[in-house]
Amino acid sequence: MPRRLPKTSPSYPAVRDKAEQPMSDVREIVERLGLTGEAEAALHVALLRELAQGQPVTIERLAKSLSWAKGQVVLVLGKLPGGTIEYDCEGRLIGYGITLHETPHAFVVNDQPLYTWCALDALMFPTVIGECAQVQSRCPHTNKPVTLTVTPQEVISLQPEDAVISLVSVAAEGNIRSAFCCDVLFFASRQAGEAWYRDKPHTDIVNVQEGFELGQRIARLMLDSARSHSHDG
């Protein structure tokens, strides 16, 4: 039977404070993803669900999934911060947190090989797309594999069991990938994570369950905003 991770105490903060600077503020992450508006959140949710099918997404296909006019999709895409959407050479959408481009974080959904931009994405996007994902990454310090199954409700089958993830403050400059995602990684142990980030300020190491709970908070914000847009429309 798959081993489930214990939930953290409700009084224990999912993200700790270090050096008087908040770590991985949920609102800041959402803002840097360009999800401050309901339409942007609705587009992101729809695009993630389309990308989870494993194929590039055309503007027309995304418009159909949203029941929007093509022009509205183009307008909302144009409002997003630069670098938050990946396109292929034909102008099709291939990444926005979940990506068809290979990254260190493999993310398999219904046998479709996908990837995520960072460890936190791999923990939160199963909730957004409503699917289970088999996740495999590699500890950058020890080169040991880190594997887990993430459902919309929980993390199961984590190996090694004491694996952790790194969380960082969102940098002031750059898009969300360079300002945050590139430093949000899986590690085989807390010792490995702390060794990797020994000389980097404003980095915190949390267990995978804590990372999952942070991801749930972001996912709920996205989904609630997307539903509000749907109701208003």
Foldseek 3Di string as FASTA:
>chain_A
DWAFDDADDPVDALFDDDPNDGFPDLVVLCVLLVNPALVLLLLVLLVLLVLLVQDFAALVNSCVSSVHDSVVSVVSVVSGDPPQWDADPVRTTADRQKGNDDDQKWKHWPNHTIGGLAPLSNLQVLLSNQTKIWIWGAAPQPRHIWIWIHHSVGITRTPPPQKKWKTFHQDPDDGRSVRTGVRTYIHNHPVSNCVVCVPPPRMDIGHVSSSNVSSNVSSVVSVVSNVVVVVVD
